[in-house]
mmCIF file of all heavy atoms, coordinates in Angstrom:
data_MODEL
# 
_entry.id   MODEL 
# 
loop_
_atom_site.group_PDB 
_atom_site.id 
_atom_site.type_symbol 
_atom_site.label_atom_id 
_atom_site.label_alt_id 
_atom_site.label_comp_id 
_atom_site.label_asym_id 
_atom_site.label_entity_id 
_atom_site.label_seq_id 
_atom_site.pdbx_PDB_ins_code 
_atom_site.Cartn_x 
_atom_site.Cartn_y 
_atom_site.Cartn_z 
_atom_site.occupancy 
_atom_site.B_iso_or_equiv 
_atom_site.pdbx_formal_charge 
_atom_site.auth_seq_id 
_atom_site.auth_comp_id 
_atom_site.auth_asym_id 
_atom_site.auth_atom_id 
_atom_site.pdbx_PDB_model_num 
ATOM 1   N N   . SER A 1 1  ? 113.972 98.456  92.621 1.00 0.00 ? 1  SER A N   1 
ATOM 2   C CA  . SER A 1 1  ? 113.066 97.598  93.387 1.00 0.00 ? 1  SER A CA  1 
ATOM 3   C C   . SER A 1 1  ? 111.865 97.255  92.516 1.00 0.00 ? 1  SER A C   1 
ATOM 4   O O   . SER A 1 1  ? 111.710 97.761  91.402 1.00 0.00 ? 1  SER A O   1 
ATOM 5   C CB  . SER A 1 1  ? 112.600 98.314  94.648 1.00 0.00 ? 1  SER A CB  1 
ATOM 6   O OG  . SER A 1 1  ? 111.774 99.429  94.288 1.00 0.00 ? 1  SER A OG  1 
ATOM 7   N N   . LEU A 1 2  ? 110.975 96.413  93.031 1.00 0.00 ? 2  LEU A N   1 
ATOM 8   C CA  . LEU A 1 2  ? 109.774 96.052  92.280 1.00 0.00 ? 2  LEU A CA  1 
ATOM 9   C C   . LEU A 1 2  ? 108.908 97.280  92.035 1.00 0.00 ? 2  LEU A C   1 
ATOM 10  O O   . LEU A 1 2  ? 108.416 97.490  90.922 1.00 0.00 ? 2  LEU A O   1 
ATOM 11  C CB  . LEU A 1 2  ? 108.981 94.978  93.039 1.00 0.00 ? 2  LEU A CB  1 
ATOM 12  C CG  . LEU A 1 2  ? 107.695 94.487  92.367 1.00 0.00 ? 2  LEU A CG  1 
ATOM 13  C CD1 . LEU A 1 2  ? 107.983 93.937  90.979 1.00 0.00 ? 2  LEU A CD1 1 
ATOM 14  C CD2 . LEU A 1 2  ? 107.013 93.428  93.232 1.00 0.00 ? 2  LEU A CD2 1 
ATOM 15  N N   . VAL A 1 3  ? 108.725 98.110  93.058 1.00 0.00 ? 3  VAL A N   1 
ATOM 16  C CA  . VAL A 1 3  ? 107.910 99.326  92.902 1.00 0.00 ? 3  VAL A CA  1 
ATOM 17  C C   . VAL A 1 3  ? 108.548 100.259 91.880 1.00 0.00 ? 3  VAL A C   1 
ATOM 18  O O   . VAL A 1 3  ? 107.867 100.811 91.005 1.00 0.00 ? 3  VAL A O   1 
ATOM 19  C CB  . VAL A 1 3  ? 107.748 100.039 94.257 1.00 0.00 ? 3  VAL A CB  1 
ATOM 20  C CG1 . VAL A 1 3  ? 107.090 101.402 94.071 1.00 0.00 ? 3  VAL A CG1 1 
ATOM 21  C CG2 . VAL A 1 3  ? 106.923 99.185  95.219 1.00 0.00 ? 3  VAL A CG2 1 
ATOM 22  N N   . GLN A 1 4  ? 109.860 100.430 91.957 1.00 0.00 ? 4  GLN A N   1 
ATOM 23  C CA  . GLN A 1 4  ? 110.558 101.294 91.004 1.00 0.00 ? 4  GLN A CA  1 
ATOM 24  C C   . GLN A 1 4  ? 110.480 100.727 89.589 1.00 0.00 ? 4  GLN A C   1 
ATOM 25  O O   . GLN A 1 4  ? 110.324 101.471 88.618 1.00 0.00 ? 4  GLN A O   1 
ATOM 26  C CB  . GLN A 1 4  ? 112.017 101.459 91.430 1.00 0.00 ? 4  GLN A CB  1 
ATOM 27  C CG  . GLN A 1 4  ? 112.198 102.278 92.689 1.00 0.00 ? 4  GLN A CG  1 
ATOM 28  C CD  . GLN A 1 4  ? 113.644 102.288 93.169 1.00 0.00 ? 4  GLN A CD  1 
ATOM 29  O OE1 . GLN A 1 4  ? 114.387 101.331 92.952 1.00 0.00 ? 4  GLN A OE1 1 
ATOM 30  N NE2 . GLN A 1 4  ? 114.043 103.364 93.822 1.00 0.00 ? 4  GLN A NE2 1 
ATOM 31  N N   . SER A 1 5  ? 110.574 99.414  89.462 1.00 0.00 ? 5  SER A N   1 
ATOM 32  C CA  . SER A 1 5  ? 110.517 98.780  88.148 1.00 0.00 ? 5  SER A CA  1 
ATOM 33  C C   . SER A 1 5  ? 109.151 98.997  87.499 1.00 0.00 ? 5  SER A C   1 
ATOM 34  O O   . SER A 1 5  ? 109.058 99.215  86.283 1.00 0.00 ? 5  SER A O   1 
ATOM 35  C CB  . SER A 1 5  ? 110.809 97.286  88.266 1.00 0.00 ? 5  SER A CB  1 
ATOM 36  O OG  . SER A 1 5  ? 112.112 97.063  88.752 1.00 0.00 ? 5  SER A OG  1 
ATOM 37  N N   . ARG A 1 6  ? 108.107 98.918  88.296 1.00 0.00 ? 6  ARG A N   1 
ATOM 38  C CA  . ARG A 1 6  ? 106.761 99.177  87.753 1.00 0.00 ? 6  ARG A CA  1 
ATOM 39  C C   . ARG A 1 6  ? 106.636 100.620 87.291 1.00 0.00 ? 6  ARG A C   1 
ATOM 40  O O   . ARG A 1 6  ? 105.992 100.907 86.280 1.00 0.00 ? 6  ARG A O   1 
ATOM 41  C CB  . ARG A 1 6  ? 105.713 98.851  88.823 1.00 0.00 ? 6  ARG A CB  1 
ATOM 42  C CG  . ARG A 1 6  ? 105.535 97.357  89.060 1.00 0.00 ? 6  ARG A CG  1 
ATOM 43  C CD  . ARG A 1 6  ? 104.664 97.057  90.260 1.00 0.00 ? 6  ARG A CD  1 
ATOM 44  N NE  . ARG A 1 6  ? 104.441 95.622  90.411 1.00 0.00 ? 6  ARG A NE  1 
ATOM 45  C CZ  . ARG A 1 6  ? 104.027 95.044  91.531 1.00 0.00 ? 6  ARG A CZ  1 
ATOM 46  N NH1 . ARG A 1 6  ? 103.791 95.788  92.609 1.00 0.00 ? 6  ARG A NH1 1 
ATOM 47  N NH2 . ARG A 1 6  ? 103.861 93.733  91.582 1.00 0.00 ? 6  ARG A NH2 1 
ATOM 48  N N   . ARG A 1 7  ? 107.259 101.530 88.029 1.00 0.00 ? 7  ARG A N   1 
ATOM 49  C CA  . ARG A 1 7  ? 107.246 102.936 87.628 1.00 0.00 ? 7  ARG A CA  1 
ATOM 50  C C   . ARG A 1 7  ? 107.993 103.123 86.309 1.00 0.00 ? 7  ARG A C   1 
ATOM 51  O O   . ARG A 1 7  ? 107.544 103.846 85.417 1.00 0.00 ? 7  ARG A O   1 
ATOM 52  C CB  . ARG A 1 7  ? 107.893 103.782 88.733 1.00 0.00 ? 7  ARG A CB  1 
ATOM 53  C CG  . ARG A 1 7  ? 107.593 105.280 88.642 1.00 0.00 ? 7  ARG A CG  1 
ATOM 54  C CD  . ARG A 1 7  ? 108.369 106.050 89.687 1.00 0.00 ? 7  ARG A CD  1 
ATOM 55  N NE  . ARG A 1 7  ? 108.328 105.403 91.008 1.00 0.00 ? 7  ARG A NE  1 
ATOM 56  C CZ  . ARG A 1 7  ? 109.169 105.684 91.997 1.00 0.00 ? 7  ARG A CZ  1 
ATOM 57  N NH1 . ARG A 1 7  ? 110.151 106.575 91.797 1.00 0.00 ? 7  ARG A NH1 1 
ATOM 58  N NH2 . ARG A 1 7  ? 109.067 105.071 93.154 1.00 0.00 ? 7  ARG A NH2 1 
ATOM 59  N N   . LEU A 1 8  ? 109.131 102.458 86.177 1.00 0.00 ? 8  LEU A N   1 
ATOM 60  C CA  . LEU A 1 8  ? 109.911 102.550 84.937 1.00 0.00 ? 8  LEU A CA  1 
ATOM 61  C C   . LEU A 1 8  ? 109.142 101.970 83.758 1.00 0.00 ? 8  LEU A C   1 
ATOM 62  O O   . LEU A 1 8  ? 109.184 102.507 82.647 1.00 0.00 ? 8  LEU A O   1 
ATOM 63  C CB  . LEU A 1 8  ? 111.239 101.810 85.113 1.00 0.00 ? 8  LEU A CB  1 
ATOM 64  C CG  . LEU A 1 8  ? 112.235 102.429 86.084 1.00 0.00 ? 8  LEU A CG  1 
ATOM 65  C CD1 . LEU A 1 8  ? 113.485 101.552 86.189 1.00 0.00 ? 8  LEU A CD1 1 
ATOM 66  C CD2 . LEU A 1 8  ? 112.630 103.830 85.630 1.00 0.00 ? 8  LEU A CD2 1 
ATOM 67  N N   . LYS A 1 9  ? 108.450 100.871 83.987 1.00 0.00 ? 9  LYS A N   1 
ATOM 68  C CA  . LYS A 1 9  ? 107.638 100.250 82.932 1.00 0.00 ? 9  LYS A CA  1 
ATOM 69  C C   . LYS A 1 9  ? 106.594 101.240 82.422 1.00 0.00 ? 9  LYS A C   1 
ATOM 70  O O   . LYS A 1 9  ? 106.438 101.429 81.209 1.00 0.00 ? 9  LYS A O   1 
ATOM 71  C CB  . LYS A 1 9  ? 106.961 98.994  83.490 1.00 0.00 ? 9  LYS A CB  1 
ATOM 72  C CG  . LYS A 1 9  ? 105.855 98.413  82.622 1.00 0.00 ? 9  LYS A CG  1 
ATOM 73  C CD  . LYS A 1 9  ? 105.126 97.282  83.349 1.00 0.00 ? 9  LYS A CD  1 
ATOM 74  C CE  . LYS A 1 9  ? 103.896 96.810  82.619 1.00 0.00 ? 9  LYS A CE  1 
ATOM 75  N NZ  . LYS A 1 9  ? 103.190 95.724  83.352 1.00 0.00 ? 9  LYS A NZ  1 
ATOM 76  N N   . GLU A 1 10 ? 105.877 101.886 83.346 1.00 0.00 ? 10 GLU A N   1 
ATOM 77  C CA  . GLU A 1 10 ? 104.832 102.833 82.966 1.00 0.00 ? 10 GLU A CA  1 
ATOM 78  C C   . GLU A 1 10 ? 105.419 104.026 82.212 1.00 0.00 ? 10 GLU A C   1 
ATOM 79  O O   . GLU A 1 10 ? 104.859 104.457 81.191 1.00 0.00 ? 10 GLU A O   1 
ATOM 80  C CB  . GLU A 1 10 ? 104.082 103.322 84.215 1.00 0.00 ? 10 GLU A CB  1 
ATOM 81  C CG  . GLU A 1 10 ? 103.268 102.229 84.907 1.00 0.00 ? 10 GLU A CG  1 
ATOM 82  C CD  . GLU A 1 10 ? 102.716 102.684 86.242 1.00 0.00 ? 10 GLU A CD  1 
ATOM 83  O OE1 . GLU A 1 10 ? 102.991 103.841 86.642 1.00 0.00 ? 10 GLU A OE1 1 
ATOM 84  O OE2 . GLU A 1 10 ? 102.023 101.875 86.904 1.00 0.00 ? 10 GLU A OE2 1 
ATOM 85  N N   . MET A 1 11 ? 106.548 104.544 82.685 1.00 0.00 ? 11 MET A N   1 
ATOM 86  C CA  . MET A 1 11 ? 107.146 105.706 82.047 1.00 0.00 ? 11 MET A CA  1 
ATOM 87  C C   . MET A 1 11 ? 107.708 105.359 80.673 1.00 0.00 ? 11 MET A C   1 
ATOM 88  O O   . MET A 1 11 ? 107.628 106.151 79.737 1.00 0.00 ? 11 MET A O   1 
ATOM 89  C CB  . MET A 1 11 ? 108.240 106.291 82.944 1.00 0.00 ? 11 MET A CB  1 
ATOM 90  C CG  . MET A 1 11 ? 107.716 106.854 84.252 1.00 0.00 ? 11 MET A CG  1 
ATOM 91  S SD  . MET A 1 11 ? 109.011 107.600 85.283 1.00 0.00 ? 11 MET A SD  1 
ATOM 92  C CE  . MET A 1 11 ? 109.351 109.092 84.334 1.00 0.00 ? 11 MET A CE  1 
ATOM 93  N N   . SER A 1 12 ? 108.267 104.157 80.546 1.00 0.00 ? 12 SER A N   1 
ATOM 94  C CA  . SER A 1 12 ? 108.789 103.723 79.251 1.00 0.00 ? 12 SER A CA  1 
ATOM 95  C C   . SER A 1 12 ? 107.656 103.587 78.243 1.00 0.00 ? 12 SER A C   1 
ATOM 96  O O   . SER A 1 12 ? 107.766 104.032 77.096 1.00 0.00 ? 12 SER A O   1 
ATOM 97  C CB  . SER A 1 12 ? 109.527 102.392 79.392 1.00 0.00 ? 12 SER A CB  1 
ATOM 98  O OG  . SER A 1 12 ? 110.002 101.930 78.139 1.00 0.00 ? 12 SER A OG  1 
ATOM 99  N N   . GLN A 1 13 ? 106.546 102.992 78.672 1.00 0.00 ? 13 GLN A N   1 
ATOM 100 C CA  . GLN A 1 13 ? 105.425 102.775 77.766 1.00 0.00 ? 13 GLN A CA  1 
ATOM 101 C C   . GLN A 1 13 ? 104.727 104.089 77.388 1.00 0.00 ? 13 GLN A C   1 
ATOM 102 O O   . GLN A 1 13 ? 104.170 104.201 76.295 1.00 0.00 ? 13 GLN A O   1 
ATOM 103 C CB  . GLN A 1 13 ? 104.425 101.807 78.398 1.00 0.00 ? 13 GLN A CB  1 
ATOM 104 C CG  . GLN A 1 13 ? 104.962 100.381 78.530 1.00 0.00 ? 13 GLN A CG  1 
ATOM 105 C CD  . GLN A 1 13 ? 103.972 99.428  79.178 1.00 0.00 ? 13 GLN A CD  1 
ATOM 106 O OE1 . GLN A 1 13 ? 103.136 99.836  79.978 1.00 0.00 ? 13 GLN A OE1 1 
ATOM 107 N NE2 . GLN A 1 13 ? 104.062 98.155  78.833 1.00 0.00 ? 13 GLN A NE2 1 
ATOM 108 N N   . SER A 1 14 ? 104.784 105.081 78.295 1.00 0.00 ? 14 SER A N   1 
ATOM 109 C CA  . SER A 1 14 ? 104.154 106.371 78.000 1.00 0.00 ? 14 SER A CA  1 
ATOM 110 C C   . SER A 1 14 ? 105.109 107.332 77.286 1.00 0.00 ? 14 SER A C   1 
ATOM 111 O O   . SER A 1 14 ? 104.703 108.420 76.880 1.00 0.00 ? 14 SER A O   1 
ATOM 112 C CB  . SER A 1 14 ? 103.659 107.020 79.298 1.00 0.00 ? 14 SER A CB  1 
ATOM 113 O OG  . SER A 1 14 ? 104.752 107.335 80.155 1.00 0.00 ? 14 SER A OG  1 
ATOM 114 N N   . GLY A 1 15 ? 106.378 106.939 77.183 1.00 0.00 ? 15 GLY A N   1 
ATOM 115 C CA  . GLY A 1 15 ? 107.357 107.782 76.495 1.00 0.00 ? 15 GLY A CA  1 
ATOM 116 C C   . GLY A 1 15 ? 107.873 108.938 77.313 1.00 0.00 ? 15 GLY A C   1 
ATOM 117 O O   . GLY A 1 15 ? 108.431 109.895 76.763 1.00 0.00 ? 15 GLY A O   1 
ATOM 118 N N   . THR A 1 16 ? 107.704 108.890 78.639 1.00 0.00 ? 16 THR A N   1 
ATOM 119 C CA  . THR A 1 16 ? 108.118 110.006 79.500 1.00 0.00 ? 16 THR A CA  1 
ATOM 120 C C   . THR A 1 16 ? 109.439 109.735 80.227 1.00 0.00 ? 16 THR A C   1 
ATOM 121 O O   . THR A 1 16 ? 109.905 110.580 80.995 1.00 0.00 ? 16 THR A O   1 
ATOM 122 C CB  . THR A 1 16 ? 107.029 110.301 80.547 1.00 0.00 ? 16 THR A CB  1 
ATOM 123 O OG1 . THR A 1 16 ? 106.782 109.117 81.323 1.00 0.00 ? 16 THR A OG1 1 
ATOM 124 C CG2 . THR A 1 16 ? 105.737 110.740 79.870 1.00 0.00 ? 16 THR A CG2 1 
ATOM 125 N N   . LEU A 1 17 ? 110.038 108.573 80.006 1.00 0.00 ? 17 LEU A N   1 
ATOM 126 C CA  . LEU A 1 17 ? 111.265 108.219 80.728 1.00 0.00 ? 17 LEU A CA  1 
ATOM 127 C C   . LEU A 1 17 ? 112.462 108.980 80.180 1.00 0.00 ? 17 LEU A C   1 
ATOM 128 O O   . LEU A 1 17 ? 112.609 109.143 78.960 1.00 0.00 ? 17 LEU A O   1 
ATOM 129 C CB  . LEU A 1 17 ? 111.518 106.713 80.612 1.00 0.00 ? 17 LEU A CB  1 
ATOM 130 C CG  . LEU A 1 17 ? 112.702 106.155 81.409 1.00 0.00 ? 17 LEU A CG  1 
ATOM 131 C CD1 . LEU A 1 17 ? 112.473 106.333 82.905 1.00 0.00 ? 17 LEU A CD1 1 
ATOM 132 C CD2 . LEU A 1 17 ? 112.911 104.685 81.078 1.00 0.00 ? 17 LEU A CD2 1 
ATOM 133 N N   . THR A 1 18 ? 113.320 109.470 81.077 1.00 0.00 ? 18 THR A N   1 
ATOM 134 C CA  . THR A 1 18 ? 114.553 110.147 80.684 1.00 0.00 ? 18 THR A CA  1 
ATOM 135 C C   . THR A 1 18 ? 115.737 109.509 81.395 1.00 0.00 ? 18 THR A C   1 
ATOM 136 O O   . THR A 1 18 ? 115.577 108.882 82.446 1.00 0.00 ? 18 THR A O   1 
ATOM 137 C CB  . THR A 1 18 ? 114.515 111.646 81.051 1.00 0.00 ? 18 THR A CB  1 
ATOM 138 O OG1 . THR A 1 18 ? 114.461 111.770 82.485 1.00 0.00 ? 18 THR A OG1 1 
ATOM 139 C CG2 . THR A 1 18 ? 113.319 112.330 80.419 1.00 0.00 ? 18 THR A CG2 1 
ATOM 140 N N   . GLU A 1 19 ? 116.923 109.673 80.840 1.00 0.00 ? 19 GLU A N   1 
ATOM 141 C CA  . GLU A 1 19 ? 118.129 109.130 81.464 1.00 0.00 ? 19 GLU A CA  1 
ATOM 142 C C   . GLU A 1 19 ? 118.383 109.800 82.817 1.00 0.00 ? 19 GLU A C   1 
ATOM 143 O O   . GLU A 1 19 ? 118.846 109.164 83.760 1.00 0.00 ? 19 GLU A O   1 
ATOM 144 C CB  . GLU A 1 19 ? 119.321 109.301 80.529 1.00 0.00 ? 19 GLU A CB  1 
ATOM 145 C CG  . GLU A 1 19 ? 119.252 108.426 79.287 1.00 0.00 ? 19 GLU A CG  1 
ATOM 146 C CD  . GLU A 1 19 ? 120.433 108.609 78.369 1.00 0.00 ? 19 GLU A CD  1 
ATOM 147 O OE1 . GLU A 1 19 ? 121.479 107.959 78.605 1.00 0.00 ? 19 GLU A OE1 1 
ATOM 148 O OE2 . GLU A 1 19 ? 120.323 109.399 77.419 1.00 0.00 ? 19 GLU A OE2 1 
ATOM 149 N N   . HIS A 1 20 ? 118.095 111.100 82.897 1.00 0.00 ? 20 HIS A N   1 
ATOM 150 C CA  . HIS A 1 20 ? 118.294 111.817 84.151 1.00 0.00 ? 20 HIS A CA  1 
ATOM 151 C C   . HIS A 1 20 ? 117.406 111.232 85.255 1.00 0.00 ? 20 HIS A C   1 
ATOM 152 O O   . HIS A 1 20 ? 117.855 111.043 86.389 1.00 0.00 ? 20 HIS A O   1 
ATOM 153 C CB  . HIS A 1 20 ? 117.981 113.305 83.972 1.00 0.00 ? 20 HIS A CB  1 
ATOM 154 C CG  . HIS A 1 20 ? 118.056 114.091 85.254 1.00 0.00 ? 20 HIS A CG  1 
ATOM 155 N ND1 . HIS A 1 20 ? 119.260 114.400 85.866 1.00 0.00 ? 20 HIS A ND1 1 
ATOM 156 C CD2 . HIS A 1 20 ? 117.071 114.608 86.054 1.00 0.00 ? 20 HIS A CD2 1 
ATOM 157 C CE1 . HIS A 1 20 ? 119.026 115.074 86.979 1.00 0.00 ? 20 HIS A CE1 1 
ATOM 158 N NE2 . HIS A 1 20 ? 117.707 115.213 87.119 1.00 0.00 ? 20 HIS A NE2 1 
ATOM 159 N N   . TYR A 1 21 ? 116.150 110.920 84.901 1.00 0.00 ? 21 TYR A N   1 
ATOM 160 C CA  . TYR A 1 21 ? 115.248 110.346 85.900 1.00 0.00 ? 21 TYR A CA  1 
ATOM 161 C C   . TYR A 1 21 ? 115.747 108.974 86.346 1.00 0.00 ? 21 TYR A C   1 
ATOM 162 O O   . TYR A 1 21 ? 115.656 108.631 87.530 1.00 0.00 ? 21 TYR A O   1 
ATOM 163 C CB  . TYR A 1 21 ? 113.828 110.231 85.344 1.00 0.00 ? 21 TYR A CB  1 
ATOM 164 C CG  . TYR A 1 21 ? 112.878 109.614 86.344 1.00 0.00 ? 21 TYR A CG  1 
ATOM 165 C CD1 . TYR A 1 21 ? 112.344 110.375 87.380 1.00 0.00 ? 21 TYR A CD1 1 
ATOM 166 C CD2 . TYR A 1 21 ? 112.558 108.254 86.292 1.00 0.00 ? 21 TYR A CD2 1 
ATOM 167 C CE1 . TYR A 1 21 ? 111.501 109.807 88.326 1.00 0.00 ? 21 TYR A CE1 1 
ATOM 168 C CE2 . TYR A 1 21 ? 111.716 107.683 87.240 1.00 0.00 ? 21 TYR A CE2 1 
ATOM 169 C CZ  . TYR A 1 21 ? 111.194 108.454 88.255 1.00 0.00 ? 21 TYR A CZ  1 
ATOM 170 O OH  . TYR A 1 21 ? 110.374 107.894 89.193 1.00 0.00 ? 21 TYR A OH  1 
ATOM 171 N N   . LEU A 1 22 ? 116.273 108.188 85.413 1.00 0.00 ? 22 LEU A N   1 
ATOM 172 C CA  . LEU A 1 22 ? 116.805 106.871 85.759 1.00 0.00 ? 22 LEU A CA  1 
ATOM 173 C C   . LEU A 1 22 ? 117.899 106.999 86.810 1.00 0.00 ? 22 LEU A C   1 
ATOM 174 O O   . LEU A 1 22 ? 117.946 106.233 87.771 1.00 0.00 ? 22 LEU A O   1 
ATOM 175 C CB  . LEU A 1 22 ? 117.365 106.185 84.507 1.00 0.00 ? 22 LEU A CB  1 
ATOM 176 C CG  . LEU A 1 22 ? 116.410 105.334 83.686 1.00 0.00 ? 22 LEU A CG  1 
ATOM 177 C CD1 . LEU A 1 22 ? 117.087 104.882 82.400 1.00 0.00 ? 22 LEU A CD1 1 
ATOM 178 C CD2 . LEU A 1 22 ? 115.942 104.131 84.481 1.00 0.00 ? 22 LEU A CD2 1 
ATOM 179 N N   . HIS A 1 23 ? 118.790 107.975 86.596 1.00 0.00 ? 23 HIS A N   1 
ATOM 180 C CA  . HIS A 1 23 ? 119.890 108.169 87.557 1.00 0.00 ? 23 HIS A CA  1 
ATOM 181 C C   . HIS A 1 23 ? 119.347 108.570 88.925 1.00 0.00 ? 23 HIS A C   1 
ATOM 182 O O   . HIS A 1 23 ? 119.789 108.050 89.951 1.00 0.00 ? 23 HIS A O   1 
ATOM 183 C CB  . HIS A 1 23 ? 120.852 109.234 87.035 1.00 0.00 ? 23 HIS A CB  1 
ATOM 184 C CG  . HIS A 1 23 ? 122.038 109.440 87.928 1.00 0.00 ? 23 HIS A CG  1 
ATOM 185 N ND1 . HIS A 1 23 ? 123.129 108.591 87.933 1.00 0.00 ? 23 HIS A ND1 1 
ATOM 186 C CD2 . HIS A 1 23 ? 122.297 110.394 88.868 1.00 0.00 ? 23 HIS A CD2 1 
ATOM 187 C CE1 . HIS A 1 23 ? 124.006 109.001 88.823 1.00 0.00 ? 23 HIS A CE1 1 
ATOM 188 N NE2 . HIS A 1 23 ? 123.524 110.091 89.410 1.00 0.00 ? 23 HIS A NE2 1 
ATOM 189 N N   . THR A 1 24 ? 118.372 109.474 88.923 1.00 0.00 ? 24 THR A N   1 
ATOM 190 C CA  . THR A 1 24 ? 117.776 109.920 90.188 1.00 0.00 ? 24 THR A CA  1 
ATOM 191 C C   . THR A 1 24 ? 117.108 108.762 90.912 1.00 0.00 ? 24 THR A C   1 
ATOM 192 O O   . THR A 1 24 ? 117.260 108.588 92.125 1.00 0.00 ? 24 THR A O   1 
ATOM 193 C CB  . THR A 1 24 ? 116.732 111.030 89.922 1.00 0.00 ? 24 THR A CB  1 
ATOM 194 O OG1 . THR A 1 24 ? 117.368 112.124 89.257 1.00 0.00 ? 24 THR A OG1 1 
ATOM 195 C CG2 . THR A 1 24 ? 116.112 111.505 91.230 1.00 0.00 ? 24 THR A CG2 1 
ATOM 196 N N   . LEU A 1 25 ? 116.385 107.936 90.165 1.00 0.00 ? 25 LEU A N   1 
ATOM 197 C CA  . LEU A 1 25 ? 115.664 106.813 90.773 1.00 0.00 ? 25 LEU A CA  1 
ATOM 198 C C   . LEU A 1 25 ? 116.630 105.790 91.369 1.00 0.00 ? 25 LEU A C   1 
ATOM 199 O O   . LEU A 1 25 ? 116.411 105.289 92.473 1.00 0.00 ? 25 LEU A O   1 
ATOM 200 C CB  . LEU A 1 25 ? 114.770 106.154 89.727 1.00 0.00 ? 25 LEU A CB  1 
ATOM 201 C CG  . LEU A 1 25 ? 113.968 104.937 90.195 1.00 0.00 ? 25 LEU A CG  1 
ATOM 202 C CD1 . LEU A 1 25 ? 112.539 105.000 89.679 1.00 0.00 ? 25 LEU A CD1 1 
ATOM 203 C CD2 . LEU A 1 25 ? 114.624 103.642 89.706 1.00 0.00 ? 25 LEU A CD2 1 
ATOM 204 N N   . LEU A 1 26 ? 117.705 105.484 90.657 1.00 0.00 ? 26 LEU A N   1 
ATOM 205 C CA  . LEU A 1 26 ? 118.628 104.445 91.131 1.00 0.00 ? 26 LEU A CA  1 
ATOM 206 C C   . LEU A 1 26 ? 119.491 104.913 92.295 1.00 0.00 ? 26 LEU A C   1 
ATOM 207 O O   . LEU A 1 26 ? 120.091 104.084 92.987 1.00 0.00 ? 26 LEU A O   1 
ATOM 208 C CB  . LEU A 1 26 ? 119.515 103.960 89.982 1.00 0.00 ? 26 LEU A CB  1 
ATOM 209 C CG  . LEU A 1 26 ? 118.815 103.097 88.929 1.00 0.00 ? 26 LEU A CG  1 
ATOM 210 C CD1 . LEU A 1 26 ? 119.763 102.747 87.801 1.00 0.00 ? 26 LEU A CD1 1 
ATOM 211 C CD2 . LEU A 1 26 ? 118.273 101.822 89.560 1.00 0.00 ? 26 LEU A CD2 1 
ATOM 212 N N   . THR A 1 27 ? 119.558 106.199 92.522 1.00 0.00 ? 27 THR A N   1 
ATOM 213 C CA  . THR A 1 27 ? 120.328 106.699 93.663 1.00 0.00 ? 27 THR A CA  1 
ATOM 214 C C   . THR A 1 27 ? 119.435 106.955 94.868 1.00 0.00 ? 27 THR A C   1 
ATOM 215 O O   . THR A 1 27 ? 119.908 107.405 95.912 1.00 0.00 ? 27 THR A O   1 
ATOM 216 C CB  . THR A 1 27 ? 121.081 107.992 93.296 1.00 0.00 ? 27 THR A CB  1 
ATOM 217 O OG1 . THR A 1 27 ? 120.173 108.947 92.718 1.00 0.00 ? 27 THR A OG1 1 
ATOM 218 C CG2 . THR A 1 27 ? 122.195 107.699 92.301 1.00 0.00 ? 27 THR A CG2 1 
ATOM 219 N N   . GLU A 1 28 ? 118.118 106.681 94.721 1.00 0.00 ? 28 GLU A N   1 
ATOM 220 C CA  . GLU A 1 28 ? 117.221 106.753 95.879 1.00 0.00 ? 28 GLU A CA  1 
ATOM 221 C C   . GLU A 1 28 ? 117.605 105.672 96.880 1.00 0.00 ? 28 GLU A C   1 
ATOM 222 O O   . GLU A 1 28 ? 118.030 104.588 96.497 1.00 0.00 ? 28 GLU A O   1 
ATOM 223 C CB  . GLU A 1 28 ? 115.758 106.505 95.461 1.00 0.00 ? 28 GLU A CB  1 
ATOM 224 C CG  . GLU A 1 28 ? 115.100 107.630 94.719 1.00 0.00 ? 28 GLU A CG  1 
ATOM 225 C CD  . GLU A 1 28 ? 113.659 107.300 94.348 1.00 0.00 ? 28 GLU A CD  1 
ATOM 226 O OE1 . GLU A 1 28 ? 113.222 106.176 94.667 1.00 0.00 ? 28 GLU A OE1 1 
ATOM 227 O OE2 . GLU A 1 28 ? 112.980 108.139 93.752 1.00 0.00 ? 28 GLU A OE2 1 
# 
């Protein structure tokens, strides 16, 4: 979603994004 995409943008730019988190977020 838009809210989730903004969260992903912030995590990607801060270097904290993980593949596991991506899976968890998309199954919300």
